[in-house]
Amino acid sequence: MAQTVGYPLAAAGPLAAGAVHQATGSWTVPIALVLGVCVAALGVGLLAARDRKV
């Protein structure tokens, strides 16, 4: 299931970045969006890596 959703989502990333670059004429917005996704992934990863017992 994760591959079914993950691969198309990952494939859409470069296309979306290119579309945003073409729409804005600058790399500032696409890079800012990528950094935002990285910060969100860091936050989720830190929450997932907490030392807890279930």
N, C-alpha and C. Protein backbone atom coordinates (compact mmCIF):
# COMPACT_ATOMS: atom_id res chain seq x y z
N MET A 1 0.83 -1.19 0.00
CA MET A 1 0.00 0.00 0.00
C MET A 1 0.87 1.25 0.00
N ALA A 2 1.93 1.25 0.78
CA ALA A 2 2.78 2.44 0.86
C ALA A 2 3.44 2.71 -0.49
N GLN A 3 3.85 1.67 -1.20
CA GLN A 3 4.47 1.87 -2.50
C GLN A 3 3.46 2.38 -3.52
N THR A 4 2.23 1.93 -3.41
CA THR A 4 1.19 2.36 -4.34
C THR A 4 0.95 3.86 -4.22
N VAL A 5 1.04 4.39 -3.03
CA VAL A 5 0.83 5.83 -2.82
C VAL A 5 2.15 6.58 -2.90
N GLY A 6 3.20 6.02 -2.37
CA GLY A 6 4.48 6.72 -2.25
C GLY A 6 5.16 7.00 -3.57
N TYR A 7 5.20 6.04 -4.46
CA TYR A 7 5.90 6.24 -5.73
C TYR A 7 5.24 7.31 -6.60
N PRO A 8 3.92 7.28 -6.79
CA PRO A 8 3.31 8.37 -7.58
C PRO A 8 3.47 9.74 -6.92
N LEU A 9 3.40 9.76 -5.59
CA LEU A 9 3.60 11.03 -4.88
C LEU A 9 5.03 11.54 -5.08
N ALA A 10 6.00 10.64 -5.00
CA ALA A 10 7.40 11.03 -5.21
C ALA A 10 7.65 11.44 -6.65
N ALA A 11 6.98 10.81 -7.59
CA ALA A 11 7.14 11.16 -9.00
C ALA A 11 6.52 12.52 -9.31
N ALA A 12 5.50 12.90 -8.57
CA ALA A 12 4.84 14.19 -8.81
C ALA A 12 5.66 15.36 -8.28
N GLY A 13 6.57 15.12 -7.36
CA GLY A 13 7.36 16.19 -6.76
C GLY A 13 8.18 17.00 -7.75
N PRO A 14 9.02 16.37 -8.57
CA PRO A 14 9.79 17.14 -9.55
C PRO A 14 8.91 17.84 -10.58
N LEU A 15 7.81 17.20 -10.97
CA LEU A 15 6.90 17.85 -11.91
C LEU A 15 6.27 19.09 -11.28
N ALA A 16 5.88 18.98 -10.03
CA ALA A 16 5.28 20.13 -9.33
C ALA A 16 6.31 21.24 -9.14
N ALA A 17 7.54 20.88 -8.79
CA ALA A 17 8.59 21.89 -8.63
C ALA A 17 8.86 22.60 -9.94
N GLY A 18 8.88 21.86 -11.04
CA GLY A 18 9.07 22.47 -12.34
C GLY A 18 7.92 23.38 -12.72
N ALA A 19 6.71 22.98 -12.41
CA ALA A 19 5.54 23.81 -12.71
C ALA A 19 5.55 25.10 -11.89
N VAL A 20 5.93 25.00 -10.62
CA VAL A 20 6.01 26.20 -9.79
C VAL A 20 7.13 27.11 -10.28
N HIS A 21 8.25 26.52 -10.67
CA HIS A 21 9.36 27.33 -11.22
C HIS A 21 8.92 28.05 -12.49
N GLN A 22 8.22 27.34 -13.35
CA GLN A 22 7.77 27.95 -14.60
C GLN A 22 6.75 29.04 -14.33
N ALA A 23 5.88 28.85 -13.34
CA ALA A 23 4.85 29.84 -13.03
C ALA A 23 5.44 31.10 -12.39
N THR A 24 6.47 30.92 -11.56
CA THR A 24 7.02 32.07 -10.84
C THR A 24 8.25 32.66 -11.53
N GLY A 25 8.93 31.86 -12.36
CA GLY A 25 10.14 32.33 -13.02
C GLY A 25 11.34 32.39 -12.11
N SER A 26 11.24 31.78 -10.95
CA SER A 26 12.33 31.80 -9.97
C SER A 26 12.38 30.46 -9.25
N TRP A 27 13.55 30.15 -8.73
CA TRP A 27 13.70 28.90 -7.97
C TRP A 27 13.45 29.12 -6.48
N THR A 28 13.18 30.34 -6.07
CA THR A 28 13.00 30.63 -4.65
C THR A 28 11.79 29.90 -4.06
N VAL A 29 10.67 29.95 -4.72
CA VAL A 29 9.45 29.33 -4.19
C VAL A 29 9.55 27.81 -4.18
N PRO A 30 9.99 27.16 -5.28
CA PRO A 30 10.11 25.70 -5.21
C PRO A 30 11.09 25.22 -4.13
N ILE A 31 12.20 25.93 -3.98
CA ILE A 31 13.17 25.53 -2.95
C ILE A 31 12.58 25.73 -1.56
N ALA A 32 11.83 26.82 -1.37
CA ALA A 32 11.18 27.06 -0.07
C ALA A 32 10.16 25.96 0.23
N LEU A 33 9.44 25.52 -0.79
CA LEU A 33 8.48 24.43 -0.59
C LEU A 33 9.18 23.13 -0.22
N VAL A 34 10.30 22.84 -0.88
CA VAL A 34 11.06 21.63 -0.55
C VAL A 34 11.59 21.70 0.88
N LEU A 35 12.09 22.87 1.28
CA LEU A 35 12.55 23.02 2.66
C LEU A 35 11.41 22.87 3.66
N GLY A 36 10.23 23.36 3.30
CA GLY A 36 9.06 23.18 4.16
C GLY A 36 8.69 21.72 4.33
N VAL A 37 8.76 20.96 3.24
CA VAL A 37 8.49 19.52 3.32
C VAL A 37 9.54 18.83 4.18
N CYS A 38 10.80 19.26 4.07
CA CYS A 38 11.87 18.68 4.88
C CYS A 38 11.65 18.95 6.37
N VAL A 39 11.22 20.16 6.70
CA VAL A 39 10.95 20.49 8.11
C VAL A 39 9.79 19.66 8.63
N ALA A 40 8.75 19.50 7.82
CA ALA A 40 7.61 18.68 8.24
C ALA A 40 8.04 17.23 8.43
N ALA A 41 8.86 16.70 7.52
CA ALA A 41 9.34 15.32 7.65
C ALA A 41 10.22 15.16 8.89
N LEU A 42 11.02 16.18 9.18
CA LEU A 42 11.85 16.13 10.39
C LEU A 42 10.97 16.06 11.64
N GLY A 43 9.94 16.89 11.67
CA GLY A 43 9.04 16.88 12.83
C GLY A 43 8.35 15.55 13.01
N VAL A 44 7.84 14.98 11.93
CA VAL A 44 7.17 13.68 12.00
C VAL A 44 8.17 12.59 12.38
N GLY A 45 9.37 12.67 11.82
CA GLY A 45 10.39 11.67 12.14
C GLY A 45 10.81 11.71 13.60
N LEU A 46 10.95 12.92 14.14
CA LEU A 46 11.30 13.03 15.56
C LEU A 46 10.19 12.50 16.45
N LEU A 47 8.96 12.75 16.07
CA LEU A 47 7.85 12.20 16.85
C LEU A 47 7.80 10.67 16.75
N ALA A 48 8.08 10.14 15.58
CA ALA A 48 8.04 8.69 15.40
C ALA A 48 9.19 7.99 16.10
N ALA A 49 10.30 8.70 16.31
CA ALA A 49 11.49 8.08 16.89
C ALA A 49 11.56 8.22 18.41
N ARG A 50 10.49 8.73 19.00
CA ARG A 50 10.51 8.89 20.46
C ARG A 50 10.68 7.52 21.15
N ASP A 51 11.34 7.56 22.26
CA ASP A 51 11.56 6.33 23.03
C ASP A 51 10.34 6.09 23.92
N ARG A 52 9.37 5.36 23.37
CA ARG A 52 8.13 5.08 24.10
C ARG A 52 7.80 3.61 24.01
N LYS A 53 7.04 3.17 24.96
CA LYS A 53 6.53 1.80 24.93
C LYS A 53 5.06 1.84 24.61
N VAL A 54 4.65 0.93 23.78
CA VAL A 54 3.23 0.88 23.37
C VAL A 54 2.51 -0.15 24.19
